């Protein structure tokens, strides 16, 4: 979730969310779900933008995470 209760919000903030090399998605929600991810490294970048989709300075966060393949139990 992308929230900071210490900062008052005037209206709904807009975000650009990008997974790996996919096109960014514009959203006003504070959570995002990704489906069909393959095992391996993935990167999500979130940028705060104003109402005109202009990036707000110093508002980009990038997170790298890993999907682990399910283990194949004893056969």
N, C-alpha and C. Protein backbone atom coordinates (compact mmCIF):
# COMPACT_ATOMS: atom_id res chain seq x y z
N UNK A 1 0.84 -1.19 0.00
CA UNK A 1 0.00 0.00 0.00
C UNK A 1 0.87 1.24 0.00
N UNK A 2 0.37 2.28 -0.64
CA UNK A 2 1.10 3.53 -0.74
C UNK A 2 0.32 4.58 0.03
N UNK A 3 0.66 4.77 1.28
CA UNK A 3 -0.04 5.76 2.09
C UNK A 3 0.94 6.38 3.08
N UNK A 4 0.66 7.60 3.47
CA UNK A 4 1.38 8.27 4.52
C UNK A 4 0.37 9.10 5.27
N UNK A 5 -0.18 8.56 6.38
CA UNK A 5 -1.24 9.27 7.09
C UNK A 5 -0.81 10.60 7.68
N UNK A 6 0.50 10.85 7.77
CA UNK A 6 0.98 12.11 8.33
C UNK A 6 0.85 13.26 7.35
N UNK A 7 0.63 12.96 6.08
CA UNK A 7 0.53 14.00 5.06
C UNK A 7 -0.92 14.17 4.66
N UNK A 8 -1.49 15.36 4.86
CA UNK A 8 -2.88 15.56 4.42
C UNK A 8 -2.96 15.53 2.90
N UNK A 9 -4.00 14.92 2.39
CA UNK A 9 -4.17 14.78 0.94
C UNK A 9 -5.27 15.72 0.47
N UNK A 10 -4.94 16.53 -0.52
CA UNK A 10 -5.94 17.39 -1.15
C UNK A 10 -6.36 16.71 -2.44
N UNK A 11 -7.47 16.03 -2.42
CA UNK A 11 -7.90 15.28 -3.59
C UNK A 11 -7.20 13.93 -3.64
N UNK A 12 -7.38 13.22 -4.70
CA UNK A 12 -6.76 11.90 -4.85
C UNK A 12 -5.45 12.02 -5.59
N UNK A 13 -4.38 11.44 -5.03
CA UNK A 13 -3.12 11.45 -5.77
C UNK A 13 -3.19 10.49 -6.95
N UNK A 14 -2.39 10.74 -7.95
CA UNK A 14 -2.30 9.87 -9.11
C UNK A 14 -0.91 9.24 -9.14
N UNK A 15 -0.86 7.98 -9.55
CA UNK A 15 0.40 7.25 -9.61
C UNK A 15 0.57 6.63 -10.98
N UNK A 16 1.82 6.51 -11.41
CA UNK A 16 2.16 5.68 -12.56
C UNK A 16 2.85 4.46 -11.99
N UNK A 17 2.32 3.28 -12.29
CA UNK A 17 2.86 2.02 -11.79
C UNK A 17 3.36 1.23 -12.98
N UNK A 18 4.63 0.80 -12.92
CA UNK A 18 5.21 0.05 -14.02
C UNK A 18 5.83 -1.24 -13.50
N UNK A 19 5.45 -2.35 -14.09
CA UNK A 19 6.02 -3.65 -13.76
C UNK A 19 7.01 -4.03 -14.86
N UNK A 20 8.25 -4.27 -14.46
CA UNK A 20 9.30 -4.66 -15.40
C UNK A 20 9.33 -3.68 -16.57
N UNK A 21 9.26 -4.18 -17.80
CA UNK A 21 9.34 -3.30 -18.97
C UNK A 21 7.97 -3.03 -19.59
N UNK A 22 6.91 -3.40 -18.88
CA UNK A 22 5.56 -3.14 -19.39
C UNK A 22 5.27 -1.65 -19.39
N UNK A 23 4.27 -1.25 -20.12
CA UNK A 23 3.86 0.16 -20.13
C UNK A 23 3.33 0.55 -18.76
N UNK A 24 3.62 1.76 -18.29
CA UNK A 24 3.09 2.20 -17.00
C UNK A 24 1.57 2.32 -17.04
N UNK A 25 0.96 2.08 -15.89
CA UNK A 25 -0.49 2.19 -15.73
C UNK A 25 -0.76 3.34 -14.79
N UNK A 26 -1.67 4.22 -15.16
CA UNK A 26 -2.06 5.34 -14.30
C UNK A 26 -3.18 4.88 -13.38
N UNK A 27 -3.05 5.22 -12.10
CA UNK A 27 -4.06 4.79 -11.13
C UNK A 27 -4.12 5.78 -9.97
N UNK A 28 -5.25 5.84 -9.30
CA UNK A 28 -5.40 6.63 -8.09
C UNK A 28 -5.50 5.73 -6.87
N UNK A 29 -5.47 4.41 -7.08
CA UNK A 29 -5.57 3.49 -5.96
C UNK A 29 -4.22 3.35 -5.27
N UNK A 30 -4.25 2.92 -4.00
CA UNK A 30 -3.02 2.78 -3.23
C UNK A 30 -2.56 1.33 -3.11
N UNK A 31 -3.12 0.46 -3.94
CA UNK A 31 -2.64 -0.92 -3.98
C UNK A 31 -2.75 -1.41 -5.41
N UNK A 32 -1.93 -2.39 -5.73
CA UNK A 32 -1.90 -2.92 -7.10
C UNK A 32 -1.66 -4.42 -7.01
N UNK A 33 -2.38 -5.20 -7.81
CA UNK A 33 -2.20 -6.65 -7.86
C UNK A 33 -1.70 -7.03 -9.23
N UNK A 34 -0.70 -7.92 -9.27
CA UNK A 34 -0.16 -8.40 -10.53
C UNK A 34 -0.43 -9.89 -10.64
N UNK A 35 -0.82 -10.33 -11.81
CA UNK A 35 -1.14 -11.74 -12.04
C UNK A 35 -0.20 -12.33 -13.08
N UNK A 36 -0.03 -13.66 -13.02
CA UNK A 36 0.71 -14.38 -14.05
C UNK A 36 2.20 -14.11 -14.07
N UNK A 37 2.76 -13.75 -12.93
CA UNK A 37 4.19 -13.48 -12.88
C UNK A 37 4.99 -14.78 -12.96
N UNK A 38 6.04 -14.77 -13.75
CA UNK A 38 6.90 -15.94 -13.89
C UNK A 38 7.94 -15.94 -12.78
N UNK A 39 8.49 -17.12 -12.44
CA UNK A 39 9.56 -17.16 -11.45
C UNK A 39 10.74 -16.29 -11.90
N UNK A 40 11.38 -15.66 -10.93
CA UNK A 40 12.55 -14.82 -11.21
C UNK A 40 12.39 -13.43 -10.64
N UNK A 41 13.29 -12.55 -11.04
CA UNK A 41 13.32 -11.17 -10.55
C UNK A 41 12.31 -10.31 -11.30
N UNK A 42 11.68 -9.42 -10.56
CA UNK A 42 10.74 -8.45 -11.13
C UNK A 42 10.98 -7.10 -10.46
N UNK A 43 10.66 -6.04 -11.17
CA UNK A 43 10.83 -4.69 -10.63
C UNK A 43 9.53 -3.91 -10.81
N UNK A 44 9.10 -3.25 -9.74
CA UNK A 44 7.94 -2.36 -9.79
C UNK A 44 8.42 -0.95 -9.49
N UNK A 45 8.01 -0.01 -10.34
CA UNK A 45 8.33 1.40 -10.12
C UNK A 45 7.02 2.15 -9.96
N UNK A 46 6.96 2.98 -8.92
CA UNK A 46 5.77 3.80 -8.66
C UNK A 46 6.21 5.26 -8.63
N UNK A 47 5.51 6.09 -9.39
CA UNK A 47 5.82 7.52 -9.43
C UNK A 47 4.56 8.31 -9.18
N UNK A 48 4.66 9.29 -8.29
CA UNK A 48 3.56 10.21 -8.04
C UNK A 48 3.55 11.24 -9.17
N UNK A 49 2.37 11.49 -9.73
CA UNK A 49 2.22 12.48 -10.81
C UNK A 49 1.10 13.44 -10.44
N UNK A 50 1.17 14.64 -11.01
CA UNK A 50 0.10 15.60 -10.75
C UNK A 50 -1.09 15.32 -11.67
N UNK A 51 -2.10 16.18 -11.61
CA UNK A 51 -3.32 15.98 -12.39
C UNK A 51 -3.07 16.00 -13.89
N UNK A 52 -1.94 16.56 -14.32
CA UNK A 52 -1.59 16.61 -15.74
C UNK A 52 -0.62 15.49 -16.12
N UNK A 53 -0.44 14.52 -15.24
CA UNK A 53 0.49 13.39 -15.43
C UNK A 53 1.95 13.83 -15.50
N UNK A 54 2.26 14.97 -14.90
CA UNK A 54 3.64 15.43 -14.81
C UNK A 54 4.24 14.85 -13.53
N UNK A 55 5.39 14.17 -13.62
CA UNK A 55 6.00 13.59 -12.42
C UNK A 55 6.32 14.64 -11.36
N UNK A 56 6.04 14.28 -10.12
CA UNK A 56 6.38 15.12 -8.97
C UNK A 56 7.83 14.82 -8.61
N UNK A 57 8.69 15.83 -8.48
CA UNK A 57 10.10 15.59 -8.18
C UNK A 57 10.29 14.76 -6.91
N UNK A 58 11.28 13.89 -6.95
CA UNK A 58 11.66 13.05 -5.79
C UNK A 58 10.51 12.18 -5.28
N UNK A 59 9.68 11.69 -6.20
CA UNK A 59 8.53 10.89 -5.77
C UNK A 59 8.50 9.50 -6.40
N UNK A 60 9.65 9.02 -6.85
CA UNK A 60 9.71 7.70 -7.48
C UNK A 60 10.28 6.69 -6.51
N UNK A 61 9.63 5.53 -6.46
CA UNK A 61 10.11 4.42 -5.63
C UNK A 61 10.20 3.18 -6.52
N UNK A 62 11.30 2.46 -6.41
CA UNK A 62 11.49 1.23 -7.17
C UNK A 62 11.74 0.09 -6.19
N UNK A 63 11.04 -1.02 -6.40
CA UNK A 63 11.18 -2.20 -5.55
C UNK A 63 11.44 -3.40 -6.44
N UNK A 64 12.46 -4.17 -6.09
CA UNK A 64 12.71 -5.42 -6.80
C UNK A 64 12.29 -6.57 -5.89
N UNK A 65 11.62 -7.56 -6.49
CA UNK A 65 11.19 -8.73 -5.72
C UNK A 65 11.38 -9.97 -6.58
N UNK A 66 11.33 -11.13 -5.95
CA UNK A 66 11.57 -12.40 -6.64
C UNK A 66 10.39 -13.34 -6.45
N UNK A 67 10.00 -13.99 -7.52
CA UNK A 67 9.00 -15.05 -7.48
C UNK A 67 9.76 -16.37 -7.50
N UNK A 68 9.47 -17.21 -6.53
CA UNK A 68 10.13 -18.51 -6.44
C UNK A 68 9.22 -19.58 -7.04
N UNK A 69 9.81 -20.42 -7.88
CA UNK A 69 9.03 -21.52 -8.48
C UNK A 69 8.58 -22.47 -7.38
N UNK A 70 7.36 -23.00 -7.47
CA UNK A 70 6.89 -23.95 -6.46
C UNK A 70 7.79 -25.19 -6.50
N UNK A 71 8.04 -25.71 -5.32
CA UNK A 71 8.91 -26.89 -5.26
C UNK A 71 8.15 -28.13 -5.72
N UNK A 72 8.87 -29.03 -6.33
CA UNK A 72 8.32 -30.31 -6.77
C UNK A 72 8.58 -31.31 -5.64
N UNK A 73 7.59 -31.65 -4.87
CA UNK A 73 7.75 -32.58 -3.76
C UNK A 73 8.26 -33.93 -4.22
N UNK A 74 8.53 -34.83 -3.27
CA UNK A 74 9.00 -36.18 -3.63
C UNK A 74 8.02 -36.86 -4.57
N UNK A 75 8.58 -37.59 -5.52
CA UNK A 75 7.73 -38.29 -6.49
C UNK A 75 7.89 -39.77 -6.36
